[in-house]
C-alpha atoms as a PDB file:
ATOM      1  CA  MET A   1       0.000   0.000   0.000  1.00  0.00           C
ATOM      2  CA  HIS A   2       1.446   3.355  -1.050  1.00  0.00           C
ATOM      3  CA  TRP A   3      -0.007   6.729  -0.110  1.00  0.00           C
ATOM      4  CA  ARG A   4       0.181   9.911  -2.159  1.00  0.00           C
ATOM      5  CA  HIS A   5      -0.279  13.122  -0.221  1.00  0.00           C
ATOM      6  CA  THR A   6      -0.833  16.375  -2.103  1.00  0.00           C
ATOM      7  CA  SER A   7      -1.945  19.923  -1.373  1.00  0.00           C
ATOM      8  CA  GLN A   8      -3.653  22.046  -4.012  1.00  0.00           C
ATOM      9  CA  THR A   9      -5.367  25.416  -4.206  1.00  0.00           C
ATOM     10  CA  SER A  10      -7.416  25.293  -7.432  1.00  0.00           C
ATOM     11  CA  VAL A  11     -10.868  26.884  -7.119  1.00  0.00           C
ATOM     12  CA  MET A  12     -13.748  25.859  -9.380  1.00  0.00           C
ATOM     13  CA  THR A  13     -17.451  26.629  -9.440  1.00  0.00           C
ATOM     14  CA  GLY A  14     -20.454  24.809 -10.784  1.00  0.00           C
ATOM     15  CA  ASN A  15     -20.977  22.179  -8.078  1.00  0.00           C
ATOM     16  CA  GLY A  16     -24.565  23.075  -7.241  1.00  0.00           C
ATOM     17  CA  GLY A  17     -23.548  26.738  -7.368  1.00  0.00           C
ATOM     18  CA  CYS A  18     -20.730  26.155  -4.861  1.00  0.00           C
ATOM     19  CA  ALA A  19     -17.144  27.337  -5.237  1.00  0.00           C
ATOM     20  CA  ILE A  20     -14.994  24.314  -4.388  1.00  0.00           C
ATOM     21  CA  GLN A  21     -11.331  24.517  -3.463  1.00  0.00           C
ATOM     22  CA  LEU A  22      -9.295  21.337  -2.987  1.00  0.00           C
ATOM     23  CA  LEU A  23      -6.923  21.973  -0.087  1.00  0.00           C
ATOM     24  CA  ALA A  24      -5.368  18.559   0.524  1.00  0.00           C
ATOM     25  CA  THR A  25      -5.531  14.984  -0.717  1.00  0.00           C
ATOM     26  CA  LEU A  26      -4.385  11.658   0.687  1.00  0.00           C
ATOM     27  CA  VAL A  27      -4.871   8.706  -1.666  1.00  0.00           C
ATOM     28  CA  ASP A  28      -3.771   5.090  -1.741  1.00  0.00           C
ATOM     29  CA  SER A  29      -1.878   4.576  -5.009  1.00  0.00           C
ATOM     30  CA  ASP A  30      -3.182   1.012  -5.174  1.00  0.00           C
ATOM     31  CA  ASP A  31      -6.757   2.272  -4.723  1.00  0.00           C
ATOM     32  CA  ALA A  32      -7.414  -0.414  -2.122  1.00  0.00           C
ATOM     33  CA  GLU A  33      -8.305   1.992   0.699  1.00  0.00           C
ATOM     34  CA  GLU A  34     -10.471   5.090   1.005  1.00  0.00           C
ATOM     35  CA  SER A  35      -9.055   8.384  -0.274  1.00  0.00           C
ATOM     36  CA  GLU A  36      -9.289  11.499   1.899  1.00  0.00           C
ATOM     37  CA  TYR A  37      -9.950  15.057   0.759  1.00  0.00           C
ATOM     38  CA  ARG A  38     -10.072  18.418   2.492  1.00  0.00           C
ATOM     39  CA  PHE A  39     -12.230  20.951   0.638  1.00  0.00           C
ATOM     40  CA  LEU A  40     -13.038  24.610   1.209  1.00  0.00           C
ATOM     41  CA  VAL A  41     -16.572  25.472   0.087  1.00  0.00           C
ATOM     42  CA  ASN A  42     -17.541  29.028  -0.859  1.00  0.00           C
ATOM     43  CA  GLY A  43     -14.389  30.331   0.792  1.00  0.00           C
ATOM     44  CA  LYS A  44     -15.778  29.638   4.274  1.00  0.00           C
ATOM     45  CA  HIS A  45     -16.570  26.046   5.147  1.00  0.00           C
ATOM     46  CA  VAL A  46     -14.097  23.156   5.366  1.00  0.00           C
ATOM     47  CA  LYS A  47     -15.461  19.738   4.420  1.00  0.00           C
ATOM     48  CA  TYR A  48     -13.610  16.461   5.027  1.00  0.00           C
ATOM     49  CA  VAL A  49     -14.666  13.913   2.421  1.00  0.00           C
ATOM     50  CA  THR A  50     -13.669  10.276   2.056  1.00  0.00           C
ATOM     51  CA  VAL A  51     -14.081   8.473  -1.267  1.00  0.00           C
ATOM     52  CA  GLY A  52     -14.406   4.719  -1.557  1.00  0.00           C
ATOM     53  CA  PRO A  53     -11.920   2.708  -3.625  1.00  0.00           C
ATOM     54  CA  GLY A  54     -12.764   2.316  -7.297  1.00  0.00           C
ATOM     55  CA  VAL A  55     -15.075   5.331  -7.438  1.00  0.00           C
ATOM     56  CA  TYR A  56     -12.749   7.386  -9.647  1.00  0.00           C
ATOM     57  CA  PRO A  57      -9.914   6.485 -12.056  1.00  0.00           C
ATOM     58  CA  LYS A  58      -6.593   6.112 -10.252  1.00  0.00           C
ATOM     59  CA  ASP A  59      -4.732   8.777 -12.228  1.00  0.00           C
ATOM     60  CA  GLU A  60      -7.396  11.444 -11.758  1.00  0.00           C
ATOM     61  CA  ARG A  61      -7.845  11.364  -7.994  1.00  0.00           C
ATOM     62  CA  THR A  62      -5.333  14.078  -7.029  1.00  0.00           C
ATOM     63  CA  PHE A  63      -5.543  16.672  -9.833  1.00  0.00           C
ATOM     64  CA  ALA A  64      -8.003  19.391  -8.810  1.00  0.00           C
ATOM     65  CA  PRO A  65      -9.089  20.612 -12.290  1.00  0.00           C
ATOM     66  CA  VAL A  66     -10.098  17.026 -13.109  1.00  0.00           C
ATOM     67  CA  ARG A  67     -11.325  15.975  -9.684  1.00  0.00           C
ATOM     68  CA  ILE A  68     -13.644  18.879  -8.812  1.00  0.00           C
ATOM     69  CA  PRO A  69     -15.899  18.706 -11.924  1.00  0.00           C
ATOM     70  CA  MET A  70     -16.339  14.971 -11.318  1.00  0.00           C
ATOM     71  CA  LEU A  71     -17.643  15.456  -7.780  1.00  0.00           C
ATOM     72  CA  PRO A  72     -21.328  14.848  -7.079  1.00  0.00           C
ATOM     73  CA  PRO A  73     -23.239  17.953  -5.920  1.00  0.00           C
ATOM     74  CA  PHE A  74     -22.339  18.879  -2.369  1.00  0.00           C
ATOM     75  CA  PRO A  75     -25.402  18.401  -0.154  1.00  0.00           C
ATOM     76  CA  PRO A  76     -26.750  21.532   1.548  1.00  0.00           C
ATOM     77  CA  GLY A  77     -26.653  21.901   5.291  1.00  0.00           C
ATOM     78  CA  ASP A  78     -24.211  22.317   8.136  1.00  0.00           C
ATOM     79  CA  TRP A  79     -22.038  19.241   7.672  1.00  0.00           C
ATOM     80  CA  ASN A  80     -18.275  18.852   7.837  1.00  0.00           C
ATOM     81  CA  VAL A  81     -17.737  15.122   7.162  1.00  0.00           C
ATOM     82  CA  GLY A  82     -19.007  13.199   4.154  1.00  0.00           C
ATOM     83  CA  HIS A  83     -18.439  10.013   2.194  1.00  0.00           C
ATOM     84  CA  ILE A  84     -18.706   9.456  -1.565  1.00  0.00           C
ATOM     85  CA  SER A  85     -19.467   6.041  -3.017  1.00  0.00           C
ATOM     86  CA  LYS A  86     -20.946   4.598  -6.217  1.00  0.00           C
ATOM     87  CA  ASP A  87     -24.697   4.552  -6.574  1.00  0.00           C
ATOM     88  CA  GLU A  88     -25.780   0.917  -6.685  1.00  0.00           C
ATOM     89  CA  VAL A  89     -28.199   1.587  -9.553  1.00  0.00           C
ATOM     90  CA  THR A  90     -26.474   4.166 -11.771  1.00  0.00           C
ATOM     91  CA  GLY A  91     -22.848   3.458 -10.857  1.00  0.00           C
ATOM     92  CA  ARG A  92     -22.262   7.197 -10.537  1.00  0.00           C
ATOM     93  CA  PRO A  93     -20.496   8.824  -7.558  1.00  0.00           C
ATOM     94  CA  VAL A  94     -22.929  10.076  -4.900  1.00  0.00           C
ATOM     95  CA  PHE A  95     -22.685  11.308  -1.335  1.00  0.00           C
ATOM     96  CA  LEU A  96     -23.648   8.235   0.647  1.00  0.00           C
ATOM     97  CA  HIS A  97     -23.875  10.211   3.877  1.00  0.00           C
ATOM     98  CA  THR A  98     -22.874  13.495   5.519  1.00  0.00           C
ATOM     99  CA  SER A  99     -22.739  14.525   9.173  1.00  0.00           C
ATOM    100  CA  HIS A 100     -21.608  17.286  11.457  1.00  0.00           C
ATOM    101  CA  GLU A 101     -18.988  15.905  13.806  1.00  0.00           C
ATOM    102  CA  ASP A 102     -17.137  17.395  16.747  1.00  0.00           C
ATOM    103  CA  LEU A 103     -13.678  17.074  15.212  1.00  0.00           C
ATOM    104  CA  PRO A 104     -10.598  16.886  17.458  1.00  0.00           C
ATOM    105  CA  GLY A 105      -8.371  19.885  17.984  1.00  0.00           C
ATOM    106  CA  VAL A 106      -5.148  20.701  19.794  1.00  0.00           C
ATOM    107  CA  ARG A 107      -5.748  21.016  23.539  1.00  0.00           C
ATOM    108  CA  SER A 108      -2.382  22.609  24.405  1.00  0.00           C
ATOM    109  CA  ILE A 109      -3.660  26.151  23.863  1.00  0.00           C
ATOM    110  CA  TRP A 110      -1.289  28.416  25.727  1.00  0.00           C
ATOM    111  CA  HIS A 111      -0.522  31.395  23.450  1.00  0.00           C
ATOM    112  CA  PRO A 112      -2.909  34.371  23.697  1.00  0.00           C
ATOM    113  CA  GLN A 113      -3.236  34.809  19.932  1.00  0.00           C
ATOM    114  CA  GLN A 114      -5.509  32.626  17.780  1.00  0.00           C
ATOM    115  CA  ILE A 115      -5.659  33.091  14.000  1.00  0.00           C
ATOM    116  CA  ASP A 116      -8.325  31.602  11.768  1.00  0.00           C
ATOM    117  CA  HIS A 117      -6.862  29.716   8.802  1.00  0.00           C
ATOM    118  CA  LEU A 118      -8.898  31.923   6.448  1.00  0.00           C
ATOM    119  CA  GLU A 119      -6.892  34.949   7.633  1.00  0.00           C
ATOM    120  CA  LEU A 120      -3.713  33.419   6.209  1.00  0.00           C
ATOM    121  CA  THR A 121      -2.692  34.012   2.603  1.00  0.00           C
ATOM    122  CA  LYS A 122      -0.421  31.256   1.323  1.00  0.00           C
ATOM    123  CA  VAL A 123       2.778  32.475  -0.344  1.00  0.00           C
ATOM    124  CA  LYS A 124       4.884  29.335  -0.716  1.00  0.00           C
ATOM    125  CA  ARG A 125       4.585  25.667   0.231  1.00  0.00           C
ATOM    126  CA  ILE A 126       7.482  24.121   2.171  1.00  0.00           C
ATOM    127  CA  ARG A 127       6.017  20.685   2.873  1.00  0.00           C
ATOM    128  CA  GLN A 128       2.566  19.172   2.562  1.00  0.00           C
ATOM    129  CA  ASN A 129       1.471  20.637   5.883  1.00  0.00           C
ATOM    130  CA  ILE A 130       3.853  23.593   6.135  1.00  0.00           C
ATOM    131  CA  TYR A 131       3.727  26.821   4.163  1.00  0.00           C
ATOM    132  CA  VAL A 132       4.850  30.435   4.190  1.00  0.00           C
ATOM    133  CA  ALA A 133       2.010  32.929   4.516  1.00  0.00           C
ATOM    134  CA  THR A 134       1.080  36.500   5.273  1.00  0.00           C
ATOM    135  CA  CYS A 135      -1.567  37.730   7.674  1.00  0.00           C
ATOM    136  CA  ALA A 136      -2.967  41.214   8.221  1.00  0.00           C
ATOM    137  CA  ARG A 137      -2.485  40.813  11.980  1.00  0.00           C
ATOM    138  CA  LEU A 138       1.161  39.787  11.693  1.00  0.00           C
ATOM    139  CA  GLU A 139       4.209  41.584  10.371  1.00  0.00           C
ATOM    140  CA  GLY A 140       5.941  40.153   7.297  1.00  0.00           C
ATOM    141  CA  SER A 141       5.927  36.515   6.236  1.00  0.00           C
ATOM    142  CA  VAL A 142       5.274  33.755   8.748  1.00  0.00           C
ATOM    143  CA  LEU A 143       5.540  29.976   8.778  1.00  0.00           C
ATOM    144  CA  VAL A 144       2.317  28.001   9.186  1.00  0.00           C
ATOM    145  CA  LYS A 145       2.085  24.365  10.228  1.00  0.00           C
ATOM    146  CA  ILE A 146      -1.343  22.708  10.286  1.00  0.00           C
ATOM    147  CA  ALA A 147      -2.964  19.296  10.523  1.00  0.00           C
ATOM    148  CA  GLU A 148      -4.581  18.656   7.154  1.00  0.00           C
ATOM    149  CA  PHE A 149      -6.778  15.852   8.492  1.00  0.00           C
ATOM    150  CA  PRO A 150      -8.279  15.396  11.975  1.00  0.00           C
ATOM    151  CA  TRP A 151      -6.490  12.106  12.705  1.00  0.00           C
ATOM    152  CA  GLN A 152      -3.123  13.909  12.528  1.00  0.00           C
ATOM    153  CA  MET A 153      -3.929  16.063  15.553  1.00  0.00           C
ATOM    154  CA  HIS A 154      -1.869  14.116  18.111  1.00  0.00           C
ATOM    155  CA  CYS A 155       1.387  15.246  16.450  1.00  0.00           C
ATOM    156  CA  TYR A 156       0.410  18.895  16.793  1.00  0.00           C
ATOM    157  CA  GLU A 157      -0.637  18.385  20.389  1.00  0.00           C
ATOM    158  CA  ALA A 158       2.891  17.271  21.280  1.00  0.00           C
ATOM    159  CA  GLU A 159       4.588  19.985  19.246  1.00  0.00           C
ATOM    160  CA  SER A 160       2.440  22.801  20.635  1.00  0.00           C
ATOM    161  CA  ALA A 161       3.244  21.615  24.156  1.00  0.00           C
ATOM    162  CA  ALA A 162       6.967  21.551  23.327  1.00  0.00           C
ATOM    163  CA  TYR A 163       6.882  25.132  22.058  1.00  0.00           C
ATOM    164  CA  GLU A 164       5.293  26.219  25.323  1.00  0.00           C
ATOM    165  CA  GLN A 165       8.186  24.637  27.237  1.00  0.00           C
ATOM    166  CA  ILE A 166      10.882  26.404  25.182  1.00  0.00           C
ATOM    167  CA  GLU A 167       9.154  29.773  24.779  1.00  0.00           C
ATOM    168  CA  GLY A 168      11.623  32.624  25.300  1.00  0.00           C
ATOM    169  CA  LYS A 169      14.589  30.332  25.907  1.00  0.00           C
ATOM    170  CA  GLY A 170      16.481  30.960  22.640  1.00  0.00           C
ATOM    171  CA  ILE A 171      15.993  27.417  21.344  1.00  0.00           C
ATOM    172  CA  GLY A 172      13.318  27.525  18.628  1.00  0.00           C
ATOM    173  CA  PRO A 173      11.641  30.120  16.404  1.00  0.00           C
ATOM    174  CA  ASP A 174       9.170  32.541  17.971  1.00  0.00           C
ATOM    175  CA  PHE A 175       5.717  31.033  18.420  1.00  0.00           C
ATOM    176  CA  LEU A 176       3.252  33.632  17.089  1.00  0.00           C
ATOM    177  CA  GLY A 177      -0.112  31.998  17.721  1.00  0.00           C
ATOM    178  CA  HIS A 178      -2.464  29.066  17.240  1.00  0.00           C
ATOM    179  CA  VAL A 179      -4.250  28.417  13.928  1.00  0.00           C
ATOM    180  CA  THR A 180      -7.955  27.642  14.158  1.00  0.00           C
ATOM    181  CA  GLU A 181     -10.582  26.119  11.878  1.00  0.00           C
ATOM    182  CA  ALA A 182     -14.234  26.436  12.871  1.00  0.00           C
ATOM    183  CA  GLY A 183     -13.121  27.256  16.399  1.00  0.00           C
ATOM    184  CA  ARG A 184     -10.809  24.283  16.971  1.00  0.00           C
ATOM    185  CA  VAL A 185      -7.024  24.619  16.967  1.00  0.00           C
ATOM    186  CA  ILE A 186      -5.421  22.740  14.050  1.00  0.00           C
ATOM    187  CA  GLY A 187      -1.863  24.116  14.089  1.00  0.00           C
ATOM    188  CA  PHE A 188       0.299  27.131  14.758  1.00  0.00           C
ATOM    189  CA  VAL A 189       2.164  30.096  13.285  1.00  0.00           C
ATOM    190  CA  LEU A 190       5.897  30.558  13.735  1.00  0.00           C
ATOM    191  CA  GLU A 191       8.532  33.133  12.947  1.00  0.00           C
ATOM    192  CA  TYR A 192       9.741  32.549   9.374  1.00  0.00           C
ATOM    193  CA  LEU A 193      13.544  32.256   9.154  1.00  0.00           C
ATOM    194  CA  ASP A 194      13.763  33.006   5.446  1.00  0.00           C
ATOM    195  CA  ASP A 195      17.511  33.671   5.370  1.00  0.00           C
ATOM    196  CA  ALA A 196      18.512  30.526   7.264  1.00  0.00           C
ATOM    197  CA  ARG A 197      20.389  27.498   5.929  1.00  0.00           C
ATOM    198  CA  PRO A 198      20.679  23.908   7.206  1.00  0.00           C
ATOM    199  CA  ALA A 199      23.539  23.239   9.594  1.00  0.00           C
ATOM    200  CA  ARG A 200      26.880  21.892   8.403  1.00  0.00           C
ATOM    201  CA  PHE A 201      29.628  20.153  10.336  1.00  0.00           C
ATOM    202  CA  GLU A 202      31.443  23.434  10.937  1.00  0.00           C
ATOM    203  CA  ASP A 203      28.370  24.556  12.904  1.00  0.00           C
ATOM    204  CA  LEU A 204      28.774  21.681  15.358  1.00  0.00           C
ATOM    205  CA  LEU A 205      29.682  23.805  18.393  1.00  0.00           C
ATOM    206  CA  ASN A 206      26.714  26.147  18.023  1.00  0.00           C
ATOM    207  CA  CYS A 207      24.391  23.208  17.345  1.00  0.00           C
ATOM    208  CA  GLN A 208      25.660  21.509  20.493  1.00  0.00           C
ATOM    209  CA  ARG A 209      24.924  24.650  22.490  1.00  0.00           C
ATOM    210  CA  VAL A 210      21.291  24.885  21.397  1.00  0.00           C
ATOM    211  CA  LEU A 211      20.742  21.138  21.863  1.00  0.00           C
ATOM    212  CA  ALA A 212      22.325  21.281  25.337  1.00  0.00           C
ATOM    213  CA  ASN A 213      19.976  24.172  26.152  1.00  0.00           C
ATOM    214  CA  LEU A 214      17.003  22.030  25.133  1.00  0.00           C
ATOM    215  CA  HIS A 215      18.256  19.113  27.230  1.00  0.00           C
ATOM    216  CA  ALA A 216      18.803  21.414  30.210  1.00  0.00           C
ATOM    217  CA  HIS A 217      15.042  21.970  30.199  1.00  0.00           C
ATOM    218  CA  GLY A 218      14.426  18.220  30.268  1.00  0.00           C
ATOM    219  CA  ILE A 219      13.325  17.835  26.642  1.00  0.00           C
ATOM    220  CA  ARG A 220      14.546  15.262  24.136  1.00  0.00           C
ATOM    221  CA  HIS A 221      14.156  16.456  20.532  1.00  0.00           C
ATOM    222  CA  GLY A 222      13.833  13.045  18.882  1.00  0.00           C
ATOM    223  CA  ASP A 223      14.832  14.029  15.327  1.00  0.00           C
ATOM    224  CA  ILE A 224      18.144  15.873  15.203  1.00  0.00           C
ATOM    225  CA  ASN A 225      18.871  15.660  11.479  1.00  0.00           C
ATOM    226  CA  LYS A 226      20.868  18.585  10.088  1.00  0.00           C
ATOM    227  CA  TYR A 227      17.814  20.156   8.433  1.00  0.00           C
ATOM    228  CA  ASN A 228      16.289  20.731  11.869  1.00  0.00           C
ATOM    229  CA  PHE A 229      19.143  23.073  12.812  1.00  0.00           C
ATOM    230  CA  LEU A 230      18.765  26.371  10.947  1.00  0.00           C
ATOM    231  CA  VAL A 231      21.759  28.709  10.846  1.00  0.00           C
ATOM    232  CA  GLN A 232      21.717  32.501  10.523  1.00  0.00           C
ATOM    233  CA  LYS A 233      25.297  33.783  10.688  1.00  0.00           C
ATOM    234  CA  GLU A 234      26.368  32.164  13.984  1.00  0.00           C
ATOM    235  CA  LYS A 235      22.902  31.780  15.480  1.00  0.00           C
ATOM    236  CA  VAL A 236      21.385  28.285  15.392  1.00  0.00           C
ATOM    237  CA  THR A 237      17.640  27.708  15.764  1.00  0.00           C
ATOM    238  CA  LEU A 238      16.186  24.259  16.398  1.00  0.00           C
ATOM    239  CA  ILE A 239      12.909  23.386  14.627  1.00  0.00           C
ATOM    240  CA  ASP A 240      10.393  20.523  14.177  1.00  0.00           C
ATOM    241  CA  PHE A 241       9.433  19.443  17.673  1.00  0.00           C
ATOM    242  CA  ASP A 242       6.751  16.933  16.664  1.00  0.00           C
ATOM    243  CA  SER A 243       8.883  14.078  18.067  1.00  0.00           C
ATOM    244  CA  ALA A 244       9.980  15.991  21.178  1.00  0.00           C
ATOM    245  CA  ARG A 245       9.031  14.810  24.652  1.00  0.00           C
ATOM    246  CA  LEU A 246       9.869  15.477  28.267  1.00  0.00           C
ATOM    247  CA  CYS A 247      12.752  13.253  29.327  1.00  0.00           C
ATOM    248  CA  SER A 248      14.341  12.766  32.764  1.00  0.00           C
ATOM    249  CA  ASN A 249      16.609   9.938  31.607  1.00  0.00           C
ATOM    250  CA  GLN A 250      20.053  11.495  31.345  1.00  0.00           C
ATOM    251  CA  SER A 251      21.440   8.570  29.370  1.00  0.00           C
ATOM    252  CA  GLU A 252      18.844   9.166  26.630  1.00  0.00           C
ATOM    253  CA  LEU A 253      19.697  12.862  26.506  1.00  0.00           C
ATOM    254  CA  ASP A 254      23.406  12.067  26.396  1.00  0.00           C
ATOM    255  CA  ALA A 255      22.888   9.596  23.552  1.00  0.00           C
ATOM    256  CA  GLU A 256      21.040  12.214  21.514  1.00  0.00           C
ATOM    257  CA  TYR A 257      23.776  14.762  22.189  1.00  0.00           C
ATOM    258  CA  GLN A 258      26.510  12.305  21.159  1.00  0.00           C
ATOM    259  CA  SER A 259      24.688  11.483  17.911  1.00  0.00           C
ATOM    260  CA  LEU A 260      24.671  15.121  16.792  1.00  0.00           C
ATOM    261  CA  GLU A 261      28.121  14.977  15.191  1.00  0.00           C
ATOM    262  CA  ARG A 262      27.100  11.975  13.103  1.00  0.00           C
ATOM    263  CA  SER A 263      23.881  13.731  12.068  1.00  0.00           C
ATOM    264  CA  LEU A 264      25.746  16.761  10.756  1.00  0.00           C
ATOM    265  CA  LEU A 265      28.068  14.510   8.747  1.00  0.00           C
ATOM    266  CA  ASP A 266      25.164  12.585   7.207  1.00  0.00           C
ATOM    267  CA  CYS A 267      25.190  13.072   3.421  1.00  0.00           C
ATOM    268  CA  SER A 268      21.702  11.684   2.907  1.00  0.00           C
ATOM    269  CA  LEU A 269      18.654  13.891   2.367  1.00  0.00           C
ATOM    270  CA  LYS A 270      16.934  12.665   5.534  1.00  0.00           C
ATOM    271  CA  GLY A 271      14.760  15.434   6.909  1.00  0.00           C
ATOM    272  CA  LYS A 272      15.133  17.731   3.901  1.00  0.00           C
ATOM    273  CA  PRO A 273      11.963  19.784   3.196  1.00  0.00           C
END
């Protein structure tokens, strides 16, 4: 089973008078499992839609200009979760059911600022779930990291909690606020280090300092590849705390610290955006 994960921003109209924007897609390349889609309807409402295997041709499931016109009409009403299957009589795709569910959100809400995802204007995509954006309430470009699907929320729970622990300690980028969708927190906004580069072996001493600072606060990072150390002149900033956790075992912290030199010498592309 192989999964293809894409993010798109194409907007098309004509689906029952709705403007449909495909925000994210997760499909099984073998088409043996359900595909998942995140849509924005009429610029306001996010809908999470699963599609049964075999409903659409394999090669057309992730390309928005093809996918959106093939969708059945979106049912009216206040729903946020739906499922598309083939009609048993006509064989055409139809919404089998829709519902309004209380979707999970991040519970580690500690920063005073909350920003709705619709306030963010995407400028550049870094990864599937990470992009550079602008916001009228924030100065300059910022980095946004969100959960594209509700089942991903546990990763953002851990990372939000980690940023609270390191706030103001010179370890990570500035945490600028929580990102919300329909009132629930789905991610966060960070300072964008646009002039930074990944660490190299000659940055070892400064990387050791920031990692030792993290360990001094009882936190194990969990993923210290060189792309998670961003360098600006001589300043090193540690990023990507989704694998971080509180750790009182000094031997584990020491092992992570000792592995840093090997990580900076690694010539593979592990961790590269």
